[in-house]
Amino acid sequence: MKTSSRVLMVVAALSLGLLFLFPMWKIYLKAPQYPEGLEMHIWVNKISGNTESSLQNFNILNHYIGMEPIHAESFKELTIMPYLVIGFIVTGVLVAFIGRRRLVLAWSALLMLGGAVGLLDFYLWLEKFGTNLSPTAPIKVPGMTYVPPLLGSKTLLNFDALSLPGWGSLGVFLAVVISLLIYFLTPKMAKPQEILRPKPTLV
């Protein structure tokens, strides 16, 4: 690969560092009790809110409708994902130094697979918390579940929920796009036997 492609590959790998600087997903909730709205920020290694009391207020609402309280300690993924991200960053930089076109594609494919698995895990997480309701909840509506949307908006009783990617997810998007551009725009290297093979001459 050319030097410019190697530099871009390093940029692609380092783009994943945005996951440590910004949330990778956000859930917004608007309820009559909180007209200003609540925000839950899901990071690669923690769960927080836009204020110190936001996560506590989320759990207060969850208590009334029978959902489990949300704590970062409940999710093993949040202890594993930081190491996976660091692994992708390190291997991405190594791929840049090795300069093999096929390794760029393999790295990008694994990153996309990891992103897909992460989204599936997030969906199952929402399903678990939104459907496994306590039978002793103060507010019970027969047949009602409270699964927030994976992406987009949804009305749950008198709650309006909105789920969107955070700025951290931009790092994954940039890493995939840049690495794929490198792969498709980098010309294939000729095989050794093709280089040594004499060109046919016209008689």
N, C-alpha and C. Protein backbone atom coordinates (compact mmCIF):
# COMPACT_ATOMS: atom_id res chain seq x y z
N MET A 1 0.84 -1.20 0.00
CA MET A 1 0.00 0.00 0.00
C MET A 1 0.87 1.24 0.00
N LYS A 2 0.37 2.31 -0.58
CA LYS A 2 1.08 3.58 -0.58
C LYS A 2 1.10 4.16 0.84
N THR A 3 2.02 5.10 1.03
CA THR A 3 2.14 5.74 2.34
C THR A 3 0.84 6.43 2.74
N SER A 4 0.17 7.07 1.77
CA SER A 4 -1.09 7.76 2.07
C SER A 4 -2.16 6.78 2.55
N SER A 5 -2.18 5.58 1.96
CA SER A 5 -3.16 4.56 2.37
C SER A 5 -2.84 4.04 3.76
N ARG A 6 -1.55 3.92 4.07
CA ARG A 6 -1.16 3.47 5.41
C ARG A 6 -1.57 4.50 6.47
N VAL A 7 -1.37 5.77 6.13
CA VAL A 7 -1.74 6.83 7.07
C VAL A 7 -3.25 6.82 7.29
N LEU A 8 -4.01 6.66 6.20
CA LEU A 8 -5.47 6.62 6.33
C LEU A 8 -5.92 5.42 7.16
N MET A 9 -5.20 4.31 7.04
CA MET A 9 -5.55 3.13 7.83
C MET A 9 -5.32 3.40 9.31
N VAL A 10 -4.25 4.11 9.63
CA VAL A 10 -4.01 4.50 11.02
C VAL A 10 -5.13 5.42 11.51
N VAL A 11 -5.56 6.34 10.66
CA VAL A 11 -6.67 7.24 11.02
C VAL A 11 -7.94 6.44 11.27
N ALA A 12 -8.19 5.44 10.41
CA ALA A 12 -9.38 4.59 10.59
C ALA A 12 -9.35 3.88 11.93
N ALA A 13 -8.17 3.34 12.28
CA ALA A 13 -8.06 2.62 13.56
C ALA A 13 -8.23 3.57 14.74
N LEU A 14 -7.59 4.73 14.67
CA LEU A 14 -7.68 5.67 15.78
C LEU A 14 -9.06 6.30 15.90
N SER A 15 -9.85 6.27 14.83
CA SER A 15 -11.22 6.81 14.89
C SER A 15 -12.06 6.09 15.95
N LEU A 16 -11.71 4.83 16.21
CA LEU A 16 -12.45 4.07 17.21
C LEU A 16 -12.26 4.65 18.61
N GLY A 17 -11.24 5.48 18.78
CA GLY A 17 -11.03 6.13 20.07
C GLY A 17 -12.15 7.05 20.47
N LEU A 18 -12.98 7.46 19.49
CA LEU A 18 -14.14 8.30 19.81
C LEU A 18 -15.11 7.60 20.75
N LEU A 19 -15.06 6.26 20.76
CA LEU A 19 -15.95 5.50 21.65
C LEU A 19 -15.61 5.75 23.12
N PHE A 20 -14.39 6.16 23.40
CA PHE A 20 -14.00 6.45 24.77
C PHE A 20 -14.23 7.91 25.14
N LEU A 21 -14.49 8.74 24.13
CA LEU A 21 -14.68 10.17 24.36
C LEU A 21 -16.15 10.59 24.37
N PHE A 22 -16.98 9.82 23.67
CA PHE A 22 -18.40 10.17 23.56
C PHE A 22 -19.26 8.91 23.72
N PRO A 23 -20.54 9.08 24.11
CA PRO A 23 -21.44 7.91 24.19
C PRO A 23 -21.64 7.30 22.81
N MET A 24 -21.81 5.98 22.78
CA MET A 24 -22.07 5.34 21.49
C MET A 24 -23.56 5.27 21.18
N TRP A 25 -24.41 5.45 22.20
CA TRP A 25 -25.86 5.45 21.97
C TRP A 25 -26.53 6.30 23.04
N LYS A 26 -27.67 6.89 22.66
CA LYS A 26 -28.42 7.71 23.61
C LYS A 26 -29.91 7.34 23.54
N ILE A 27 -30.55 7.34 24.70
CA ILE A 27 -31.99 7.13 24.79
C ILE A 27 -32.59 8.35 25.48
N TYR A 28 -33.50 9.00 24.80
CA TYR A 28 -34.17 10.18 25.35
C TYR A 28 -35.58 9.76 25.79
N LEU A 29 -35.99 10.25 26.93
CA LEU A 29 -37.31 9.92 27.46
C LEU A 29 -38.00 11.19 27.94
N LYS A 30 -39.21 11.39 27.47
CA LYS A 30 -40.01 12.53 27.91
C LYS A 30 -41.27 12.00 28.56
N ALA A 31 -41.53 12.47 29.78
CA ALA A 31 -42.68 12.02 30.55
C ALA A 31 -43.29 13.21 31.26
N PRO A 32 -44.58 13.11 31.63
CA PRO A 32 -45.22 14.23 32.33
C PRO A 32 -44.48 14.63 33.60
N GLN A 33 -43.88 13.63 34.28
CA GLN A 33 -43.15 13.93 35.51
C GLN A 33 -41.85 14.68 35.23
N TYR A 34 -41.33 14.52 34.01
CA TYR A 34 -40.06 15.16 33.62
C TYR A 34 -40.23 15.83 32.27
N PRO A 35 -40.94 16.95 32.22
CA PRO A 35 -41.20 17.62 30.94
C PRO A 35 -39.93 18.08 30.23
N GLU A 36 -38.86 18.31 31.01
CA GLU A 36 -37.60 18.72 30.39
C GLU A 36 -36.89 17.54 29.71
N GLY A 37 -37.35 16.32 30.01
CA GLY A 37 -36.79 15.13 29.39
C GLY A 37 -35.62 14.54 30.15
N LEU A 38 -35.40 13.26 29.94
CA LEU A 38 -34.27 12.55 30.53
C LEU A 38 -33.43 11.93 29.42
N GLU A 39 -32.15 11.83 29.67
CA GLU A 39 -31.25 11.21 28.70
C GLU A 39 -30.42 10.14 29.38
N MET A 40 -30.36 8.97 28.73
CA MET A 40 -29.47 7.91 29.19
C MET A 40 -28.39 7.72 28.13
N HIS A 41 -27.14 7.82 28.54
CA HIS A 41 -26.01 7.70 27.63
C HIS A 41 -25.33 6.35 27.83
N ILE A 42 -25.22 5.59 26.76
CA ILE A 42 -24.58 4.28 26.82
C ILE A 42 -23.20 4.40 26.18
N TRP A 43 -22.19 4.23 27.01
CA TRP A 43 -20.80 4.32 26.56
C TRP A 43 -20.27 2.91 26.30
N VAL A 44 -19.04 2.85 25.84
CA VAL A 44 -18.42 1.56 25.61
C VAL A 44 -18.05 0.89 26.93
N ASN A 45 -17.99 1.66 28.01
CA ASN A 45 -17.57 1.09 29.30
C ASN A 45 -18.42 1.53 30.49
N LYS A 46 -19.51 2.27 30.26
CA LYS A 46 -20.33 2.73 31.37
C LYS A 46 -21.70 3.19 30.88
N ILE A 47 -22.59 3.48 31.82
CA ILE A 47 -23.91 4.05 31.53
C ILE A 47 -24.06 5.30 32.38
N SER A 48 -24.49 6.38 31.77
CA SER A 48 -24.64 7.63 32.50
C SER A 48 -25.85 8.38 31.97
N GLY A 49 -26.06 9.60 32.47
CA GLY A 49 -27.14 10.46 31.99
C GLY A 49 -26.60 11.84 31.70
N ASN A 50 -27.48 12.70 31.20
CA ASN A 50 -27.04 14.07 30.90
C ASN A 50 -26.86 14.89 32.18
N THR A 51 -27.44 14.42 33.29
CA THR A 51 -27.22 15.04 34.59
C THR A 51 -26.91 13.94 35.61
N GLU A 52 -26.49 14.34 36.78
CA GLU A 52 -26.14 13.36 37.82
C GLU A 52 -27.35 12.55 38.27
N SER A 53 -28.55 13.12 38.17
CA SER A 53 -29.75 12.44 38.66
C SER A 53 -30.53 11.74 37.56
N SER A 54 -30.10 11.84 36.31
CA SER A 54 -30.89 11.28 35.20
C SER A 54 -31.07 9.78 35.33
N LEU A 55 -29.97 9.05 35.57
CA LEU A 55 -30.07 7.60 35.66
C LEU A 55 -30.92 7.18 36.85
N GLN A 56 -30.82 7.91 37.94
CA GLN A 56 -31.67 7.63 39.11
C GLN A 56 -33.14 7.85 38.76
N ASN A 57 -33.44 8.90 38.01
CA ASN A 57 -34.83 9.17 37.62
C ASN A 57 -35.34 8.10 36.66
N PHE A 58 -34.47 7.60 35.79
CA PHE A 58 -34.84 6.48 34.92
C PHE A 58 -35.26 5.29 35.77
N ASN A 59 -34.49 5.00 36.79
CA ASN A 59 -34.78 3.84 37.62
C ASN A 59 -36.04 4.04 38.48
N ILE A 60 -36.33 5.28 38.83
CA ILE A 60 -37.58 5.55 39.54
C ILE A 60 -38.78 5.23 38.65
N LEU A 61 -38.71 5.66 37.40
CA LEU A 61 -39.78 5.34 36.44
C LEU A 61 -39.85 3.84 36.21
N ASN A 62 -38.68 3.21 36.09
CA ASN A 62 -38.66 1.75 35.89
C ASN A 62 -39.33 1.02 37.04
N HIS A 63 -39.12 1.50 38.24
CA HIS A 63 -39.73 0.87 39.41
C HIS A 63 -41.25 0.89 39.31
N TYR A 64 -41.81 2.00 38.88
CA TYR A 64 -43.27 2.12 38.82
C TYR A 64 -43.89 1.20 37.78
N ILE A 65 -43.17 0.97 36.69
CA ILE A 65 -43.75 0.11 35.63
C ILE A 65 -43.23 -1.32 35.71
N GLY A 66 -42.35 -1.61 36.70
CA GLY A 66 -41.93 -2.99 36.93
C GLY A 66 -40.65 -3.41 36.23
N MET A 67 -39.91 -2.47 35.65
CA MET A 67 -38.65 -2.81 34.99
C MET A 67 -37.52 -2.90 36.01
N GLU A 68 -36.50 -3.69 35.67
CA GLU A 68 -35.34 -3.82 36.55
C GLU A 68 -34.57 -2.49 36.57
N PRO A 69 -33.92 -2.20 37.69
CA PRO A 69 -33.07 -1.00 37.71
C PRO A 69 -31.88 -1.16 36.78
N ILE A 70 -31.44 -0.07 36.22
CA ILE A 70 -30.33 -0.07 35.28
C ILE A 70 -29.05 0.34 36.00
N HIS A 71 -28.08 -0.58 36.03
CA HIS A 71 -26.78 -0.30 36.62
C HIS A 71 -25.71 -0.86 35.69
N ALA A 72 -24.62 -0.12 35.56
CA ALA A 72 -23.55 -0.57 34.66
C ALA A 72 -23.01 -1.94 35.08
N GLU A 73 -23.02 -2.22 36.41
CA GLU A 73 -22.48 -3.48 36.90
C GLU A 73 -23.27 -4.68 36.42
N SER A 74 -24.50 -4.45 35.94
CA SER A 74 -25.35 -5.54 35.49
C SER A 74 -24.98 -6.03 34.09
N PHE A 75 -24.10 -5.31 33.39
CA PHE A 75 -23.79 -5.63 32.00
C PHE A 75 -22.31 -5.99 31.86
N LYS A 76 -22.06 -7.29 31.66
CA LYS A 76 -20.68 -7.75 31.49
C LYS A 76 -20.08 -7.17 30.21
N GLU A 77 -20.95 -6.85 29.24
CA GLU A 77 -20.44 -6.30 27.97
C GLU A 77 -19.62 -5.03 28.19
N LEU A 78 -19.98 -4.26 29.19
CA LEU A 78 -19.30 -2.99 29.42
C LEU A 78 -17.89 -3.18 29.98
N THR A 79 -17.60 -4.38 30.47
CA THR A 79 -16.23 -4.68 30.92
C THR A 79 -15.41 -5.32 29.79
N ILE A 80 -16.09 -5.90 28.81
CA ILE A 80 -15.41 -6.58 27.70
C ILE A 80 -15.15 -5.64 26.53
N MET A 81 -16.14 -4.79 26.23
CA MET A 81 -16.05 -3.96 25.02
C MET A 81 -14.83 -3.04 24.98
N PRO A 82 -14.41 -2.42 26.09
CA PRO A 82 -13.22 -1.57 25.99
C PRO A 82 -12.00 -2.31 25.48
N TYR A 83 -11.82 -3.56 25.90
CA TYR A 83 -10.67 -4.34 25.44
C TYR A 83 -10.82 -4.71 23.96
N LEU A 84 -12.05 -4.98 23.53
CA LEU A 84 -12.28 -5.27 22.11
C LEU A 84 -11.95 -4.05 21.25
N VAL A 85 -12.38 -2.88 21.70
CA VAL A 85 -12.11 -1.66 20.94
C VAL A 85 -10.61 -1.40 20.87
N ILE A 86 -9.92 -1.54 22.00
CA ILE A 86 -8.48 -1.36 22.02
C ILE A 86 -7.80 -2.37 21.10
N GLY A 87 -8.32 -3.60 21.09
CA GLY A 87 -7.78 -4.63 20.20
C GLY A 87 -7.93 -4.24 18.74
N PHE A 88 -9.08 -3.70 18.37
CA PHE A 88 -9.29 -3.25 16.99
C PHE A 88 -8.36 -2.08 16.65
N ILE A 89 -8.15 -1.18 17.59
CA ILE A 89 -7.25 -0.05 17.34
C ILE A 89 -5.83 -0.55 17.08
N VAL A 90 -5.34 -1.43 17.94
CA VAL A 90 -3.98 -1.94 17.82
C VAL A 90 -3.81 -2.74 16.53
N THR A 91 -4.74 -3.64 16.24
CA THR A 91 -4.63 -4.44 15.02
C THR A 91 -4.77 -3.58 13.77
N GLY A 92 -5.59 -2.54 13.85
CA GLY A 92 -5.72 -1.63 12.71
C GLY A 92 -4.42 -0.92 12.39
N VAL A 93 -3.72 -0.48 13.44
CA VAL A 93 -2.41 0.16 13.25
C VAL A 93 -1.40 -0.84 12.70
N LEU A 94 -1.45 -2.09 13.18
CA LEU A 94 -0.55 -3.13 12.66
C LEU A 94 -0.81 -3.40 11.19
N VAL A 95 -2.09 -3.44 10.81
CA VAL A 95 -2.44 -3.64 9.41
C VAL A 95 -1.87 -2.52 8.55
N ALA A 96 -1.90 -1.30 9.07
CA ALA A 96 -1.34 -0.16 8.34
C ALA A 96 0.15 -0.34 8.10
N PHE A 97 0.88 -0.83 9.10
CA PHE A 97 2.33 -1.02 8.95
C PHE A 97 2.65 -2.20 8.04
N ILE A 98 1.83 -3.26 8.12
CA ILE A 98 2.06 -4.42 7.25
C ILE A 98 1.75 -4.05 5.80
N GLY A 99 0.66 -3.29 5.61
CA GLY A 99 0.34 -2.79 4.28
C GLY A 99 -0.26 -3.79 3.32
N ARG A 100 -0.89 -4.82 3.85
CA ARG A 100 -1.53 -5.83 2.99
C ARG A 100 -2.99 -5.48 2.76
N ARG A 101 -3.37 -5.43 1.50
CA ARG A 101 -4.73 -5.03 1.11
C ARG A 101 -5.78 -5.97 1.68
N ARG A 102 -5.52 -7.26 1.66
CA ARG A 102 -6.48 -8.24 2.16
C ARG A 102 -6.69 -8.11 3.66
N LEU A 103 -5.64 -7.73 4.37
CA LEU A 103 -5.78 -7.56 5.82
C LEU A 103 -6.68 -6.37 6.14
N VAL A 104 -6.64 -5.36 5.29
CA VAL A 104 -7.54 -4.20 5.47
C VAL A 104 -8.99 -4.65 5.36
N LEU A 105 -9.28 -5.47 4.35
CA LEU A 105 -10.66 -5.96 4.18
C LEU A 105 -11.07 -6.84 5.34
N ALA A 106 -10.16 -7.71 5.79
CA ALA A 106 -10.48 -8.60 6.92
C ALA A 106 -10.76 -7.78 8.18
N TRP A 107 -9.95 -6.76 8.43
CA TRP A 107 -10.15 -5.90 9.60
C TRP A 107 -11.49 -5.19 9.52
N SER A 108 -11.83 -4.65 8.36
CA SER A 108 -13.10 -3.95 8.18
C SER A 108 -14.28 -4.90 8.36
N ALA A 109 -14.16 -6.12 7.80
CA ALA A 109 -15.25 -7.10 7.91
C ALA A 109 -15.47 -7.50 9.37
N LEU A 110 -14.38 -7.72 10.10
CA LEU A 110 -14.51 -8.08 11.52
C LEU A 110 -15.12 -6.94 12.33
N LEU A 111 -14.76 -5.71 11.96
CA LEU A 111 -15.32 -4.55 12.67
C LEU A 111 -16.82 -4.44 12.41
N MET A 112 -17.23 -4.66 11.16
CA MET A 112 -18.67 -4.62 10.84
C MET A 112 -19.41 -5.75 11.55
N LEU A 113 -18.79 -6.92 11.61
CA LEU A 113 -19.41 -8.05 12.33
C LEU A 113 -19.55 -7.73 13.80
N GLY A 114 -18.50 -7.13 14.38
CA GLY A 114 -18.57 -6.74 15.78
C GLY A 114 -19.65 -5.72 16.04
N GLY A 115 -19.81 -4.75 15.12
CA GLY A 115 -20.86 -3.76 15.25
C GLY A 115 -22.25 -4.38 15.18
N ALA A 116 -22.41 -5.36 14.26
CA ALA A 116 -23.70 -6.04 14.13
C ALA A 116 -24.04 -6.84 15.39
N VAL A 117 -23.03 -7.51 15.94
CA VAL A 117 -23.24 -8.27 17.18
C VAL A 117 -23.59 -7.32 18.32
N GLY A 118 -22.94 -6.17 18.35
CA GLY A 118 -23.23 -5.18 19.38
C GLY A 118 -24.66 -4.67 19.31
N LEU A 119 -25.13 -4.41 18.08
CA LEU A 119 -26.51 -3.94 17.92
C LEU A 119 -27.51 -5.03 18.32
N LEU A 120 -27.20 -6.28 17.97
CA LEU A 120 -28.08 -7.38 18.36
C LEU A 120 -28.12 -7.51 19.88
N ASP A 121 -26.97 -7.40 20.51
CA ASP A 121 -26.92 -7.48 21.97
C ASP A 121 -27.71 -6.34 22.61
N PHE A 122 -27.61 -5.15 22.03
CA PHE A 122 -28.35 -4.00 22.53
C PHE A 122 -29.85 -4.22 22.39
N TYR A 123 -30.27 -4.80 21.26
CA TYR A 123 -31.70 -5.09 21.04
C TYR A 123 -32.21 -6.11 22.07
N LEU A 124 -31.43 -7.16 22.30
CA LEU A 124 -31.83 -8.17 23.28
C LEU A 124 -31.87 -7.58 24.69
N TRP A 125 -30.96 -6.64 24.94
CA TRP A 125 -30.93 -5.94 26.23
C TRP A 125 -32.22 -5.15 26.42
N LEU A 126 -32.66 -4.44 25.38
CA LEU A 126 -33.91 -3.68 25.45
C LEU A 126 -35.11 -4.60 25.64
N GLU A 127 -35.09 -5.73 24.92
CA GLU A 127 -36.19 -6.69 25.03
C GLU A 127 -36.28 -7.26 26.44
N LYS A 128 -35.13 -7.58 27.01
CA LYS A 128 -35.12 -8.17 28.35
C LYS A 128 -35.69 -7.19 29.37
N PHE A 129 -35.22 -5.96 29.34
CA PHE A 129 -35.66 -4.98 30.34
C PHE A 129 -37.09 -4.53 30.11
N GLY A 130 -37.54 -4.55 28.86
CA GLY A 130 -38.88 -4.05 28.56
C GLY A 130 -39.99 -5.07 28.70
N THR A 131 -39.63 -6.35 28.77
CA THR A 131 -40.66 -7.40 28.83
C THR A 131 -40.68 -8.16 30.15
N ASN A 132 -39.53 -8.25 30.83
CA ASN A 132 -39.49 -8.96 32.12
C ASN A 132 -39.90 -8.00 33.24
N LEU A 133 -41.21 -7.83 33.37
CA LEU A 133 -41.74 -6.86 34.32
C LEU A 133 -42.12 -7.53 35.64
N SER A 134 -41.94 -6.80 36.71
CA SER A 134 -42.28 -7.31 38.03
C SER A 134 -43.80 -7.38 38.19
N PRO A 135 -44.33 -8.50 38.70
CA PRO A 135 -45.78 -8.61 38.91
C PRO A 135 -46.28 -7.72 40.05
N THR A 136 -45.38 -7.19 40.83
CA THR A 136 -45.78 -6.33 41.95
C THR A 136 -45.59 -4.84 41.64
N ALA A 137 -45.43 -4.51 40.36
CA ALA A 137 -45.21 -3.12 39.99
C ALA A 137 -46.42 -2.27 40.36
N PRO A 138 -46.21 -1.04 40.82
CA PRO A 138 -47.33 -0.15 41.16
C PRO A 138 -48.25 0.12 39.98
N ILE A 139 -47.69 0.20 38.77
CA ILE A 139 -48.50 0.44 37.57
C ILE A 139 -48.46 -0.82 36.72
N LYS A 140 -49.62 -1.45 36.55
CA LYS A 140 -49.71 -2.67 35.75
C LYS A 140 -50.78 -2.48 34.68
N VAL A 141 -50.38 -2.71 33.41
CA VAL A 141 -51.32 -2.66 32.29
C VAL A 141 -51.25 -4.02 31.61
N PRO A 142 -52.33 -4.80 31.64
CA PRO A 142 -52.30 -6.15 31.05
C PRO A 142 -51.84 -6.13 29.60
N GLY A 143 -50.85 -7.00 29.32
CA GLY A 143 -50.35 -7.13 27.95
C GLY A 143 -49.39 -6.04 27.51
N MET A 144 -49.12 -5.08 28.39
CA MET A 144 -48.27 -3.95 28.02
C MET A 144 -46.81 -4.27 28.30
N THR A 145 -45.95 -3.97 27.33
CA THR A 145 -44.51 -4.06 27.52
C THR A 145 -43.89 -2.68 27.28
N TYR A 146 -42.67 -2.52 27.72
CA TYR A 146 -42.02 -1.21 27.64
C TYR A 146 -40.65 -1.32 26.98
N VAL A 147 -40.65 -1.78 25.75
CA VAL A 147 -39.39 -1.95 25.01
C VAL A 147 -39.09 -0.67 24.24
N PRO A 148 -38.07 0.07 24.62
CA PRO A 148 -37.72 1.27 23.86
C PRO A 148 -37.30 0.90 22.45
N PRO A 149 -37.37 1.81 21.52
CA PRO A 149 -36.96 1.50 20.15
C PRO A 149 -35.45 1.33 20.05
N LEU A 150 -35.01 0.44 19.18
CA LEU A 150 -33.58 0.32 18.92
C LEU A 150 -33.07 1.57 18.21
N LEU A 151 -33.90 2.07 17.31
CA LEU A 151 -33.56 3.28 16.56
C LEU A 151 -34.85 4.00 16.20
N GLY A 152 -34.94 5.27 16.53
CA GLY A 152 -36.15 6.04 16.24
C GLY A 152 -36.96 6.31 17.50
N SER A 153 -38.22 6.65 17.29
CA SER A 153 -39.09 7.04 18.41
C SER A 153 -40.22 6.05 18.61
N LYS A 154 -40.78 6.07 19.83
CA LYS A 154 -41.86 5.15 20.18
C LYS A 154 -42.58 5.71 21.39
N THR A 155 -43.92 5.56 21.41
CA THR A 155 -44.72 6.00 22.55
C THR A 155 -45.06 4.81 23.43
N LEU A 156 -44.73 4.91 24.70
CA LEU A 156 -45.01 3.85 25.67
C LEU A 156 -45.87 4.45 26.77
N LEU A 157 -47.18 4.13 26.73
CA LEU A 157 -48.14 4.78 27.62
C LEU A 157 -48.02 6.30 27.46
N ASN A 158 -47.68 6.98 28.53
CA ASN A 158 -47.53 8.45 28.42
C ASN A 158 -46.06 8.86 28.36
N PHE A 159 -45.20 7.92 27.95
CA PHE A 159 -43.79 8.22 27.77
C PHE A 159 -43.47 8.28 26.28
N ASP A 160 -42.67 9.23 25.89
CA ASP A 160 -42.16 9.31 24.53
C ASP A 160 -40.68 8.97 24.56
N ALA A 161 -40.30 7.87 23.90
CA ALA A 161 -38.91 7.42 23.91
C ALA A 161 -38.29 7.63 22.53
N LEU A 162 -37.04 8.04 22.54
CA LEU A 162 -36.29 8.26 21.30
C LEU A 162 -34.90 7.66 21.48
N SER A 163 -34.49 6.83 20.53
CA SER A 163 -33.19 6.15 20.61
C SER A 163 -32.37 6.49 19.37
N LEU A 164 -31.16 7.01 19.57
CA LEU A 164 -30.31 7.44 18.46
C LEU A 164 -28.84 7.12 18.76
N PRO A 165 -28.03 6.92 17.70
CA PRO A 165 -26.59 6.73 17.92
C PRO A 165 -25.97 7.99 18.50
N GLY A 166 -24.96 7.82 19.33
CA GLY A 166 -24.21 8.95 19.86
C GLY A 166 -22.98 9.22 19.00
N TRP A 167 -22.22 10.25 19.38
CA TRP A 167 -21.04 10.62 18.61
C TRP A 167 -19.99 9.52 18.62
N GLY A 168 -19.99 8.67 19.64
CA GLY A 168 -19.03 7.58 19.68
C GLY A 168 -19.20 6.61 18.52
N SER A 169 -20.45 6.40 18.09
CA SER A 169 -20.71 5.50 16.96
C SER A 169 -20.14 6.04 15.67
N LEU A 170 -19.93 7.36 15.61
CA LEU A 170 -19.32 7.95 14.43
C LEU A 170 -17.92 7.38 14.21
N GLY A 171 -17.23 7.06 15.30
CA GLY A 171 -15.90 6.47 15.18
C GLY A 171 -15.93 5.14 14.45
N VAL A 172 -16.93 4.31 14.75
CA VAL A 172 -17.06 3.02 14.07
C VAL A 172 -17.39 3.24 12.60
N PHE A 173 -18.31 4.18 12.32
CA PHE A 173 -18.69 4.48 10.94
C PHE A 173 -17.49 4.94 10.14
N LEU A 174 -16.71 5.86 10.69
CA LEU A 174 -15.54 6.37 9.99
C LEU A 174 -14.52 5.27 9.75
N ALA A 175 -14.31 4.42 10.76
CA ALA A 175 -13.34 3.34 10.63
C ALA A 175 -13.72 2.39 9.49
N VAL A 176 -15.00 2.05 9.40
CA VAL A 176 -15.45 1.13 8.35
C VAL A 176 -15.36 1.79 6.97
N VAL A 177 -15.85 3.01 6.86
CA VAL A 177 -15.85 3.70 5.57
C VAL A 177 -14.43 3.93 5.06
N ILE A 178 -13.54 4.43 5.93
CA ILE A 178 -12.17 4.71 5.50
C ILE A 178 -11.45 3.42 5.10
N SER A 179 -11.61 2.37 5.90
CA SER A 179 -10.91 1.11 5.58
C SER A 179 -11.42 0.50 4.28
N LEU A 180 -12.73 0.59 4.03
CA LEU A 180 -13.27 0.06 2.77
C LEU A 180 -12.79 0.89 1.58
N LEU A 181 -12.70 2.20 1.75
CA LEU A 181 -12.17 3.05 0.68
C LEU A 181 -10.72 2.68 0.37
N ILE A 182 -9.94 2.42 1.41
CA ILE A 182 -8.55 2.01 1.21
C ILE A 182 -8.49 0.72 0.41
N TYR A 183 -9.34 -0.24 0.77
CA TYR A 183 -9.33 -1.54 0.09
C TYR A 183 -9.70 -1.40 -1.39
N PHE A 184 -10.77 -0.69 -1.67
CA PHE A 184 -11.25 -0.62 -3.05
C PHE A 184 -10.44 0.34 -3.92
N LEU A 185 -9.77 1.31 -3.32
CA LEU A 185 -9.00 2.27 -4.11
C LEU A 185 -7.52 1.89 -4.22
N THR A 186 -7.09 0.90 -3.44
CA THR A 186 -5.71 0.45 -3.53
C THR A 186 -5.60 -0.60 -4.62
N PRO A 187 -4.76 -0.40 -5.62
CA PRO A 187 -4.64 -1.39 -6.71
C PRO A 187 -4.04 -2.69 -6.21
N LYS A 188 -4.44 -3.78 -6.85
CA LYS A 188 -3.89 -5.08 -6.48
C LYS A 188 -2.43 -5.15 -6.90
N MET A 189 -1.64 -5.80 -6.06
CA MET A 189 -0.23 -6.00 -6.40
C MET A 189 -0.11 -7.23 -7.29
N ALA A 190 0.74 -7.12 -8.28
CA ALA A 190 0.94 -8.25 -9.18
C ALA A 190 1.63 -9.39 -8.45
N LYS A 191 1.24 -10.62 -8.78
CA LYS A 191 1.87 -11.79 -8.17
C LYS A 191 3.30 -11.93 -8.69
N PRO A 192 4.19 -12.52 -7.88
CA PRO A 192 5.59 -12.65 -8.29
C PRO A 192 5.76 -13.32 -9.64
N GLN A 193 4.99 -14.40 -9.93
CA GLN A 193 5.13 -15.09 -11.19
C GLN A 193 4.68 -14.24 -12.36
N GLU A 194 3.73 -13.31 -12.09
CA GLU A 194 3.28 -12.42 -13.14
C GLU A 194 4.34 -11.37 -13.46
N ILE A 195 5.12 -10.98 -12.41
CA ILE A 195 6.17 -9.99 -12.61
C ILE A 195 7.31 -10.59 -13.43
N LEU A 196 7.65 -11.87 -13.16
CA LEU A 196 8.77 -12.52 -13.81
C LEU A 196 8.43 -13.04 -15.20
N ARG A 197 7.13 -13.22 -15.47
CA ARG A 197 6.73 -13.78 -16.74
C ARG A 197 7.04 -12.79 -17.86
N PRO A 198 7.77 -13.19 -18.90
CA PRO A 198 8.08 -12.27 -20.01
C PRO A 198 6.84 -11.89 -20.79
N LYS A 199 6.80 -10.67 -21.20
CA LYS A 199 5.66 -10.20 -22.00
C LYS A 199 5.76 -10.73 -23.42
N PRO A 200 4.62 -11.11 -24.01
CA PRO A 200 4.68 -11.61 -25.40
C PRO A 200 5.11 -10.52 -26.36
N THR A 201 5.93 -10.88 -27.31
CA THR A 201 6.38 -9.90 -28.32
C THR A 201 5.70 -10.19 -29.65
N LEU A 202 5.48 -9.14 -30.35
CA LEU A 202 4.86 -9.27 -31.66
C LEU A 202 5.92 -9.54 -32.72
N VAL A 203 5.71 -10.53 -33.55
CA VAL A 203 6.67 -10.87 -34.60
C VAL A 203 6.26 -10.16 -35.90
